[in-house]
């Protein structure tokens, strides 16, 4: 590295050069002269015809069923097969098990037992605060697995995951 006066003189020269370039640019931009055009063309380009009519090439087939089930589909020639199918669906719907209504459950987090190092889930089941370890149950709800950010619960033979509820909205 440079020492003493030599470094000082070099830095003064660099600063003077930078300020000289800045002042030259400012004075040059205040002049009345027009800048010289570098490249000019006299040939006009053809405008792009964006609004030209283009024929539609798609065809809609309107023979699909109503996705919302609000209107009846047109009857086909083979109505007996469709009636048999509807009867079979109706009998399956009657024979289906009733849907399980899960109790009101929210997962509040977990704590770790310092002695056994087991995770204990903090659950809110039907308005009651409950602490469960894996394999324990309360109100028919069994804690299958504690994954720290969520828990896997079983109720009447069905399983579901519950995510941890944030304390801060």
N, C-alpha and C. Protein backbone atom coordinates (compact mmCIF):
# COMPACT_ATOMS: atom_id res chain seq x y z
N UNK A 1 0.85 -1.17 0.00
CA UNK A 1 0.00 0.00 0.00
C UNK A 1 0.89 1.23 0.00
N UNK A 2 0.38 2.27 -0.63
CA UNK A 2 1.16 3.51 -0.71
C UNK A 2 1.14 4.23 0.63
N UNK A 3 2.26 4.91 0.91
CA UNK A 3 2.35 5.61 2.19
C UNK A 3 2.55 7.09 1.96
N UNK A 4 2.09 7.85 2.96
CA UNK A 4 2.42 9.28 3.03
C UNK A 4 1.82 10.12 1.92
N UNK A 5 2.71 11.01 1.40
CA UNK A 5 2.27 12.03 0.44
C UNK A 5 1.88 11.44 -0.90
N UNK A 6 2.48 10.37 -1.31
CA UNK A 6 2.17 9.78 -2.62
C UNK A 6 0.72 9.33 -2.68
N UNK A 7 0.25 8.67 -1.64
CA UNK A 7 -1.14 8.21 -1.61
C UNK A 7 -2.09 9.40 -1.59
N UNK A 8 -1.75 10.41 -0.85
CA UNK A 8 -2.61 11.60 -0.77
C UNK A 8 -2.74 12.26 -2.13
N UNK A 9 -1.59 12.43 -2.84
CA UNK A 9 -1.62 13.08 -4.15
C UNK A 9 -2.41 12.25 -5.17
N UNK A 10 -2.28 10.93 -5.13
CA UNK A 10 -3.03 10.07 -6.05
C UNK A 10 -4.54 10.16 -5.77
N UNK A 11 -4.93 10.17 -4.50
CA UNK A 11 -6.34 10.28 -4.17
C UNK A 11 -6.91 11.64 -4.56
N UNK A 12 -6.13 12.71 -4.39
CA UNK A 12 -6.59 14.05 -4.80
C UNK A 12 -6.77 14.08 -6.31
N UNK A 13 -5.87 13.47 -7.05
CA UNK A 13 -5.98 13.44 -8.52
C UNK A 13 -7.23 12.66 -8.94
N UNK A 14 -7.52 11.53 -8.27
CA UNK A 14 -8.69 10.72 -8.61
C UNK A 14 -9.98 11.49 -8.32
N UNK A 15 -10.04 12.17 -7.19
CA UNK A 15 -11.23 12.96 -6.84
C UNK A 15 -11.41 14.10 -7.83
N UNK A 16 -10.32 14.77 -8.20
CA UNK A 16 -10.41 15.89 -9.16
C UNK A 16 -10.89 15.38 -10.51
N UNK A 17 -10.46 14.19 -10.93
CA UNK A 17 -10.89 13.62 -12.21
C UNK A 17 -12.39 13.31 -12.18
N UNK A 18 -12.86 12.70 -11.10
CA UNK A 18 -14.28 12.37 -11.00
C UNK A 18 -15.12 13.63 -11.02
N UNK A 19 -14.75 14.65 -10.23
CA UNK A 19 -15.51 15.90 -10.22
C UNK A 19 -15.43 16.62 -11.57
N UNK A 20 -14.31 16.50 -12.24
CA UNK A 20 -14.18 17.11 -13.56
C UNK A 20 -15.15 16.49 -14.56
N UNK A 21 -15.27 15.17 -14.52
CA UNK A 21 -16.20 14.48 -15.42
C UNK A 21 -17.64 14.88 -15.10
N UNK A 22 -17.98 14.98 -13.82
CA UNK A 22 -19.34 15.37 -13.43
C UNK A 22 -19.66 16.78 -13.90
N UNK A 23 -18.75 17.72 -13.69
CA UNK A 23 -18.99 19.11 -14.10
C UNK A 23 -19.06 19.21 -15.62
N UNK A 24 -18.22 18.47 -16.33
CA UNK A 24 -18.24 18.47 -17.79
C UNK A 24 -19.60 18.01 -18.32
N UNK A 25 -20.16 16.95 -17.71
CA UNK A 25 -21.47 16.44 -18.14
C UNK A 25 -22.57 17.46 -17.87
N UNK A 26 -22.52 18.11 -16.73
CA UNK A 26 -23.56 19.10 -16.39
C UNK A 26 -23.49 20.27 -17.35
N UNK A 27 -22.33 20.81 -17.60
CA UNK A 27 -22.17 21.95 -18.50
C UNK A 27 -22.55 21.55 -19.92
N UNK A 28 -22.20 20.35 -20.32
CA UNK A 28 -22.54 19.88 -21.66
C UNK A 28 -24.03 19.73 -21.87
N UNK A 29 -24.77 19.35 -20.82
CA UNK A 29 -26.22 19.18 -20.98
C UNK A 29 -26.95 20.51 -20.98
N UNK A 30 -26.33 21.59 -20.48
CA UNK A 30 -26.98 22.91 -20.47
C UNK A 30 -26.85 23.64 -21.79
N UNK A 31 -26.06 23.14 -22.70
CA UNK A 31 -25.85 23.81 -23.99
C UNK A 31 -27.10 23.76 -24.85
N UNK A 32 -27.16 24.69 -25.85
CA UNK A 32 -28.32 24.79 -26.74
C UNK A 32 -28.22 23.85 -27.94
N UNK A 33 -27.15 23.17 -28.09
CA UNK A 33 -26.96 22.32 -29.25
C UNK A 33 -27.78 21.04 -29.13
N UNK A 34 -28.32 20.62 -30.27
CA UNK A 34 -29.06 19.36 -30.32
C UNK A 34 -28.06 18.21 -30.39
N UNK A 35 -28.36 17.12 -29.73
CA UNK A 35 -27.45 15.98 -29.84
C UNK A 35 -27.49 15.40 -31.25
N UNK A 36 -26.39 14.93 -31.70
CA UNK A 36 -26.27 14.37 -33.05
C UNK A 36 -26.91 13.00 -33.06
N UNK A 37 -27.80 12.79 -34.06
CA UNK A 37 -28.46 11.49 -34.18
C UNK A 37 -27.47 10.49 -34.74
N UNK A 38 -27.41 9.36 -34.13
CA UNK A 38 -26.44 8.35 -34.54
C UNK A 38 -26.96 7.56 -35.73
N UNK A 39 -28.25 7.19 -35.69
CA UNK A 39 -28.78 6.33 -36.74
C UNK A 39 -30.19 6.78 -37.08
N UNK A 40 -30.42 7.11 -38.33
CA UNK A 40 -31.76 7.48 -38.77
C UNK A 40 -32.14 6.61 -39.96
N UNK A 41 -33.42 6.26 -40.01
CA UNK A 41 -33.93 5.46 -41.13
C UNK A 41 -35.12 6.18 -41.71
N UNK A 42 -35.25 6.10 -42.99
CA UNK A 42 -36.38 6.73 -43.65
C UNK A 42 -37.39 5.68 -44.12
N UNK A 43 -37.04 4.42 -44.09
CA UNK A 43 -37.95 3.37 -44.52
C UNK A 43 -38.98 3.11 -43.42
N UNK A 44 -40.26 3.13 -43.79
CA UNK A 44 -41.33 2.88 -42.83
C UNK A 44 -41.60 1.39 -42.76
N UNK A 45 -41.88 0.94 -41.55
CA UNK A 45 -42.22 -0.46 -41.36
C UNK A 45 -43.71 -0.65 -41.59
N UNK A 46 -44.06 -1.82 -42.08
CA UNK A 46 -45.47 -2.13 -42.30
C UNK A 46 -46.14 -2.35 -40.94
N UNK A 47 -47.30 -1.73 -40.73
CA UNK A 47 -47.96 -1.92 -39.42
C UNK A 47 -48.45 -3.35 -39.28
N UNK A 48 -48.46 -3.81 -38.07
CA UNK A 48 -48.92 -5.15 -37.76
C UNK A 48 -50.44 -5.15 -37.76
N UNK A 49 -51.06 -6.06 -38.48
CA UNK A 49 -52.51 -6.11 -38.56
C UNK A 49 -53.04 -7.01 -37.45
N UNK A 50 -53.18 -6.45 -36.24
CA UNK A 50 -53.63 -7.23 -35.10
C UNK A 50 -55.13 -7.48 -35.10
N UNK A 51 -55.85 -6.71 -35.84
CA UNK A 51 -57.31 -6.79 -35.79
C UNK A 51 -57.91 -7.55 -36.97
N UNK A 52 -57.11 -8.35 -37.63
CA UNK A 52 -57.60 -9.12 -38.77
C UNK A 52 -58.56 -10.19 -38.27
N UNK A 53 -59.61 -10.45 -39.06
CA UNK A 53 -60.60 -11.46 -38.70
C UNK A 53 -60.01 -12.83 -38.92
N UNK A 54 -60.05 -13.64 -37.84
CA UNK A 54 -59.58 -15.00 -37.96
C UNK A 54 -60.75 -15.91 -37.64
N UNK A 55 -61.03 -16.87 -38.51
CA UNK A 55 -62.19 -17.73 -38.28
C UNK A 55 -61.98 -18.62 -37.05
N UNK A 56 -63.08 -18.89 -36.36
CA UNK A 56 -63.05 -19.75 -35.18
C UNK A 56 -62.97 -21.20 -35.62
N UNK A 57 -62.02 -21.92 -35.12
CA UNK A 57 -61.83 -23.30 -35.53
C UNK A 57 -62.30 -24.30 -34.48
N UNK A 58 -62.84 -23.83 -33.36
CA UNK A 58 -63.29 -24.75 -32.32
C UNK A 58 -64.77 -25.04 -32.48
N UNK A 59 -65.16 -26.21 -32.03
CA UNK A 59 -66.55 -26.62 -32.07
C UNK A 59 -66.93 -27.12 -30.69
N UNK A 60 -68.00 -26.60 -30.13
CA UNK A 60 -68.46 -27.03 -28.83
C UNK A 60 -69.39 -28.22 -28.98
N UNK A 61 -69.14 -29.25 -28.21
CA UNK A 61 -70.03 -30.39 -28.16
C UNK A 61 -70.84 -30.27 -26.88
N UNK A 62 -72.11 -30.06 -27.00
CA UNK A 62 -72.95 -29.82 -25.84
C UNK A 62 -73.67 -31.08 -25.38
N UNK A 63 -72.99 -32.22 -25.48
CA UNK A 63 -73.63 -33.47 -25.08
C UNK A 63 -73.09 -33.99 -23.74
N UNK A 64 -72.60 -33.10 -22.89
CA UNK A 64 -72.11 -33.52 -21.58
C UNK A 64 -73.18 -33.28 -20.53
N UNK A 65 -73.03 -33.96 -19.38
CA UNK A 65 -74.04 -33.82 -18.33
C UNK A 65 -73.88 -32.49 -17.62
N UNK A 66 -74.91 -32.05 -16.97
CA UNK A 66 -74.89 -30.80 -16.22
C UNK A 66 -74.05 -30.99 -14.96
N UNK A 67 -72.94 -30.25 -14.81
CA UNK A 67 -72.08 -30.48 -13.65
C UNK A 67 -72.72 -30.06 -12.34
N UNK A 68 -73.76 -29.23 -12.38
CA UNK A 68 -74.40 -28.76 -11.15
C UNK A 68 -75.66 -29.55 -10.82
N UNK A 69 -76.12 -30.40 -11.72
CA UNK A 69 -77.26 -31.26 -11.47
C UNK A 69 -78.58 -30.51 -11.40
N UNK A 70 -78.65 -29.33 -11.98
CA UNK A 70 -79.88 -28.54 -11.90
C UNK A 70 -80.87 -28.88 -13.00
N UNK A 71 -80.38 -29.35 -14.12
CA UNK A 71 -81.30 -29.69 -15.20
C UNK A 71 -81.16 -31.18 -15.52
N UNK A 72 -82.24 -31.73 -16.01
CA UNK A 72 -82.24 -33.14 -16.38
C UNK A 72 -81.50 -33.31 -17.70
N UNK A 73 -80.71 -34.37 -17.80
CA UNK A 73 -80.02 -34.67 -19.04
C UNK A 73 -81.06 -35.19 -20.03
N UNK A 74 -80.87 -34.93 -21.32
CA UNK A 74 -81.82 -35.45 -22.30
C UNK A 74 -81.82 -36.98 -22.29
N UNK A 75 -83.02 -37.56 -22.41
CA UNK A 75 -83.16 -39.01 -22.39
C UNK A 75 -82.52 -39.61 -23.63
N UNK A 76 -81.76 -40.66 -23.41
CA UNK A 76 -81.12 -41.34 -24.53
C UNK A 76 -82.01 -42.50 -24.96
N UNK A 77 -81.62 -43.19 -25.99
CA UNK A 77 -82.42 -44.29 -26.52
C UNK A 77 -82.45 -45.46 -25.53
N UNK A 78 -81.38 -45.66 -24.76
CA UNK A 78 -81.31 -46.78 -23.84
C UNK A 78 -81.69 -46.30 -22.44
N UNK A 79 -82.98 -46.05 -22.23
CA UNK A 79 -83.43 -45.54 -20.93
C UNK A 79 -83.52 -46.63 -19.88
N UNK A 80 -83.70 -47.86 -20.27
CA UNK A 80 -83.82 -48.93 -19.28
C UNK A 80 -82.50 -49.15 -18.56
N UNK A 81 -81.37 -49.04 -19.28
CA UNK A 81 -80.06 -49.22 -18.65
C UNK A 81 -79.79 -48.09 -17.67
N UNK A 82 -80.18 -46.85 -18.04
CA UNK A 82 -79.93 -45.73 -17.13
C UNK A 82 -80.83 -45.83 -15.90
N UNK A 83 -82.06 -46.32 -16.05
CA UNK A 83 -82.96 -46.47 -14.89
C UNK A 83 -82.40 -47.53 -13.95
N UNK A 84 -81.89 -48.64 -14.51
CA UNK A 84 -81.30 -49.68 -13.68
C UNK A 84 -80.09 -49.13 -12.92
N UNK A 85 -79.29 -48.31 -13.61
CA UNK A 85 -78.12 -47.72 -12.98
C UNK A 85 -78.53 -46.79 -11.84
N UNK A 86 -79.60 -46.00 -12.05
CA UNK A 86 -80.08 -45.08 -11.01
C UNK A 86 -80.60 -45.87 -9.81
N UNK A 87 -81.31 -46.97 -10.05
CA UNK A 87 -81.82 -47.79 -8.95
C UNK A 87 -80.66 -48.38 -8.14
N UNK A 88 -79.62 -48.83 -8.86
CA UNK A 88 -78.47 -49.40 -8.19
C UNK A 88 -77.77 -48.34 -7.33
N UNK A 89 -77.64 -47.13 -7.84
CA UNK A 89 -77.03 -46.03 -7.09
C UNK A 89 -77.87 -45.70 -5.87
N UNK A 90 -79.20 -45.66 -6.04
CA UNK A 90 -80.08 -45.35 -4.92
C UNK A 90 -80.00 -46.42 -3.83
N UNK A 91 -79.93 -47.68 -4.21
CA UNK A 91 -79.82 -48.73 -3.20
C UNK A 91 -78.48 -48.66 -2.49
N UNK A 92 -77.41 -48.28 -3.21
CA UNK A 92 -76.12 -48.11 -2.58
C UNK A 92 -76.13 -46.94 -1.61
N UNK A 93 -76.84 -45.87 -1.96
CA UNK A 93 -76.91 -44.72 -1.07
C UNK A 93 -77.66 -45.06 0.20
N UNK A 94 -78.68 -45.89 0.09
CA UNK A 94 -79.44 -46.27 1.27
C UNK A 94 -78.60 -47.18 2.15
N UNK A 95 -77.84 -48.09 1.54
CA UNK A 95 -77.06 -49.06 2.30
C UNK A 95 -75.79 -48.45 2.88
N UNK A 96 -75.41 -47.23 2.45
CA UNK A 96 -74.18 -46.61 2.94
C UNK A 96 -74.32 -46.25 4.41
N UNK A 97 -73.21 -46.31 5.12
CA UNK A 97 -73.21 -45.98 6.54
C UNK A 97 -73.43 -44.48 6.73
N UNK A 98 -74.07 -44.11 7.81
CA UNK A 98 -74.24 -42.68 8.05
C UNK A 98 -72.89 -42.02 8.32
N UNK A 99 -72.76 -40.78 7.88
CA UNK A 99 -71.50 -40.07 8.04
C UNK A 99 -71.27 -39.73 9.50
N UNK A 100 -70.04 -39.86 9.93
CA UNK A 100 -69.68 -39.60 11.32
C UNK A 100 -69.54 -38.10 11.52
N UNK A 101 -70.18 -37.59 12.55
CA UNK A 101 -70.00 -36.18 12.89
C UNK A 101 -68.94 -36.09 13.96
N UNK A 102 -67.83 -35.50 13.61
CA UNK A 102 -66.71 -35.37 14.52
C UNK A 102 -67.05 -34.34 15.58
N UNK A 103 -66.58 -34.55 16.80
CA UNK A 103 -66.78 -33.52 17.82
C UNK A 103 -65.93 -32.29 17.48
N UNK A 104 -66.22 -31.18 18.13
CA UNK A 104 -65.45 -29.97 17.91
C UNK A 104 -64.08 -30.15 18.54
N UNK A 105 -63.05 -30.20 17.68
CA UNK A 105 -61.69 -30.47 18.13
C UNK A 105 -60.77 -29.41 17.59
N UNK A 106 -59.87 -28.90 18.44
CA UNK A 106 -58.80 -28.04 17.96
C UNK A 106 -57.52 -28.44 18.68
N UNK A 107 -56.42 -28.39 17.94
CA UNK A 107 -55.11 -28.78 18.47
C UNK A 107 -54.36 -27.51 18.83
N UNK A 108 -54.00 -27.39 20.11
CA UNK A 108 -53.36 -26.17 20.59
C UNK A 108 -51.85 -26.25 20.65
N UNK A 109 -51.27 -27.42 20.53
CA UNK A 109 -49.82 -27.56 20.59
C UNK A 109 -49.44 -28.79 21.38
N UNK A 110 -48.20 -28.81 21.85
CA UNK A 110 -47.72 -29.97 22.60
C UNK A 110 -46.75 -29.50 23.67
N UNK A 111 -46.57 -30.35 24.65
CA UNK A 111 -45.52 -30.18 25.65
C UNK A 111 -44.78 -31.50 25.75
N UNK A 112 -43.57 -31.46 26.29
CA UNK A 112 -42.78 -32.68 26.41
C UNK A 112 -42.57 -32.98 27.88
N UNK A 113 -42.88 -34.20 28.27
CA UNK A 113 -42.68 -34.63 29.64
C UNK A 113 -41.18 -34.73 29.88
N UNK A 114 -40.63 -33.97 30.85
CA UNK A 114 -39.18 -33.97 31.02
C UNK A 114 -38.61 -35.30 31.50
N UNK A 115 -39.41 -36.09 32.19
CA UNK A 115 -38.91 -37.36 32.70
C UNK A 115 -38.92 -38.45 31.64
N UNK A 116 -40.06 -38.62 30.95
CA UNK A 116 -40.19 -39.71 29.99
C UNK A 116 -39.90 -39.28 28.56
N UNK A 117 -39.75 -37.98 28.32
CA UNK A 117 -39.50 -37.41 26.98
C UNK A 117 -40.64 -37.68 26.01
N UNK A 118 -41.84 -38.00 26.53
CA UNK A 118 -43.00 -38.24 25.66
C UNK A 118 -43.66 -36.91 25.33
N UNK A 119 -44.21 -36.82 24.12
CA UNK A 119 -44.95 -35.64 23.71
C UNK A 119 -46.39 -35.76 24.19
N UNK A 120 -46.91 -34.69 24.76
CA UNK A 120 -48.29 -34.66 25.23
C UNK A 120 -49.02 -33.57 24.44
N UNK A 121 -50.08 -33.95 23.74
CA UNK A 121 -50.84 -33.02 22.90
C UNK A 121 -51.84 -32.27 23.76
N UNK A 122 -51.97 -30.98 23.47
CA UNK A 122 -52.97 -30.14 24.13
C UNK A 122 -54.15 -29.98 23.18
N UNK A 123 -55.26 -30.65 23.49
CA UNK A 123 -56.43 -30.65 22.62
C UNK A 123 -57.59 -29.95 23.32
N UNK A 124 -58.46 -29.40 22.51
CA UNK A 124 -59.69 -28.78 23.00
C UNK A 124 -60.83 -29.58 22.36
N UNK A 125 -61.46 -30.49 23.13
CA UNK A 125 -62.49 -31.39 22.61
C UNK A 125 -63.82 -31.02 23.24
N UNK A 126 -64.78 -30.64 22.42
CA UNK A 126 -66.13 -30.27 22.87
C UNK A 126 -66.12 -29.29 24.04
N UNK A 127 -65.28 -28.28 23.94
CA UNK A 127 -65.25 -27.24 24.96
C UNK A 127 -64.41 -27.55 26.18
N UNK A 128 -63.76 -28.71 26.21
CA UNK A 128 -62.92 -29.08 27.36
C UNK A 128 -61.47 -29.20 26.93
N UNK A 129 -60.56 -28.67 27.75
CA UNK A 129 -59.13 -28.82 27.48
C UNK A 129 -58.69 -30.20 27.95
N UNK A 130 -57.97 -30.90 27.07
CA UNK A 130 -57.55 -32.27 27.36
C UNK A 130 -56.09 -32.42 26.97
N UNK A 131 -55.33 -33.17 27.78
CA UNK A 131 -53.95 -33.49 27.46
C UNK A 131 -53.86 -34.99 27.21
N UNK A 132 -53.38 -35.37 26.01
CA UNK A 132 -53.30 -36.78 25.65
C UNK A 132 -51.91 -37.12 25.14
N UNK A 133 -51.42 -38.29 25.54
CA UNK A 133 -50.20 -38.85 24.96
C UNK A 133 -50.64 -39.83 23.87
N UNK A 134 -49.70 -40.31 23.07
CA UNK A 134 -50.04 -41.25 21.99
C UNK A 134 -50.65 -42.51 22.59
N UNK A 135 -51.80 -42.92 22.00
CA UNK A 135 -52.49 -44.12 22.45
C UNK A 135 -53.58 -43.84 23.48
N UNK A 136 -53.60 -42.67 24.09
CA UNK A 136 -54.63 -42.34 25.07
C UNK A 136 -55.87 -41.82 24.36
N UNK A 137 -57.02 -41.85 25.09
CA UNK A 137 -58.27 -41.38 24.49
C UNK A 137 -59.04 -40.54 25.49
N UNK A 138 -59.94 -39.70 24.95
CA UNK A 138 -60.85 -38.89 25.76
C UNK A 138 -62.07 -38.61 24.90
N UNK A 139 -63.27 -38.81 25.45
CA UNK A 139 -64.53 -38.60 24.74
C UNK A 139 -64.60 -39.41 23.44
N UNK A 140 -64.01 -40.58 23.40
CA UNK A 140 -64.03 -41.43 22.21
C UNK A 140 -63.00 -41.05 21.17
N UNK A 141 -62.21 -40.00 21.41
CA UNK A 141 -61.18 -39.55 20.48
C UNK A 141 -59.85 -40.14 20.93
N UNK A 142 -59.18 -40.88 20.04
CA UNK A 142 -57.90 -41.53 20.35
C UNK A 142 -56.79 -40.80 19.62
N UNK A 143 -55.73 -40.43 20.34
CA UNK A 143 -54.57 -39.81 19.72
C UNK A 143 -53.68 -40.92 19.16
N UNK A 144 -53.57 -40.97 17.83
CA UNK A 144 -52.77 -42.00 17.18
C UNK A 144 -51.31 -41.56 17.09
N UNK A 145 -51.07 -40.35 16.59
CA UNK A 145 -49.71 -39.89 16.36
C UNK A 145 -49.63 -38.39 16.59
N UNK A 146 -48.59 -37.95 17.31
CA UNK A 146 -48.32 -36.53 17.52
C UNK A 146 -47.15 -36.14 16.64
N UNK A 147 -47.38 -35.30 15.64
CA UNK A 147 -46.35 -34.89 14.70
C UNK A 147 -45.83 -33.48 14.99
N UNK A 148 -46.06 -32.99 16.19
CA UNK A 148 -45.66 -31.68 16.67
C UNK A 148 -46.45 -30.54 16.04
N UNK A 149 -46.49 -30.40 14.72
CA UNK A 149 -47.29 -29.34 14.12
C UNK A 149 -48.72 -29.79 13.83
N UNK A 150 -48.99 -31.09 13.94
CA UNK A 150 -50.32 -31.63 13.75
C UNK A 150 -50.43 -32.94 14.51
N UNK A 151 -51.69 -33.38 14.68
CA UNK A 151 -51.94 -34.66 15.34
C UNK A 151 -52.87 -35.49 14.48
N UNK A 152 -52.73 -36.81 14.60
CA UNK A 152 -53.62 -37.73 13.88
C UNK A 152 -54.52 -38.36 14.94
N UNK A 153 -55.84 -38.18 14.76
CA UNK A 153 -56.82 -38.66 15.73
C UNK A 153 -57.74 -39.68 15.09
N UNK A 154 -58.27 -40.62 15.92
CA UNK A 154 -59.26 -41.59 15.47
C UNK A 154 -60.52 -41.39 16.29
N UNK A 155 -61.67 -41.38 15.58
CA UNK A 155 -62.96 -41.24 16.24
C UNK A 155 -63.94 -42.14 15.50
N UNK A 156 -64.52 -43.10 16.17
CA UNK A 156 -65.48 -44.07 15.63
C UNK A 156 -64.94 -44.75 14.38
N UNK A 157 -63.67 -45.14 14.43
CA UNK A 157 -63.07 -45.91 13.34
C UNK A 157 -62.53 -45.06 12.20
N UNK A 158 -62.74 -43.77 12.19
CA UNK A 158 -62.23 -42.88 11.13
C UNK A 158 -61.08 -42.06 11.69
N UNK A 159 -60.09 -41.76 10.83
CA UNK A 159 -58.94 -40.96 11.26
C UNK A 159 -58.88 -39.65 10.49
N UNK A 160 -58.37 -38.62 11.18
CA UNK A 160 -58.20 -37.30 10.57
C UNK A 160 -56.97 -36.63 11.16
N UNK A 161 -56.39 -35.70 10.41
CA UNK A 161 -55.30 -34.88 10.90
C UNK A 161 -55.86 -33.53 11.33
N UNK A 162 -55.31 -32.98 12.40
CA UNK A 162 -55.67 -31.65 12.87
C UNK A 162 -54.40 -30.83 12.99
N UNK A 163 -54.40 -29.65 12.34
CA UNK A 163 -53.25 -28.74 12.38
C UNK A 163 -53.28 -27.91 13.66
N UNK A 164 -52.12 -27.45 14.07
CA UNK A 164 -52.02 -26.61 15.26
C UNK A 164 -52.65 -25.25 14.98
N UNK A 165 -53.47 -24.79 15.90
CA UNK A 165 -54.12 -23.48 15.79
C UNK A 165 -53.14 -22.42 16.28
N UNK A 166 -53.00 -21.33 15.50
CA UNK A 166 -52.10 -20.24 15.90
C UNK A 166 -52.71 -19.45 17.04
N UNK A 167 -51.89 -19.11 18.02
CA UNK A 167 -52.36 -18.33 19.15
C UNK A 167 -52.57 -16.88 18.75
N UNK A 168 -51.74 -16.36 17.82
CA UNK A 168 -51.87 -14.98 17.37
C UNK A 168 -52.63 -14.95 16.06
N UNK A 169 -53.69 -14.16 15.96
CA UNK A 169 -54.45 -14.13 14.69
C UNK A 169 -53.70 -13.42 13.60
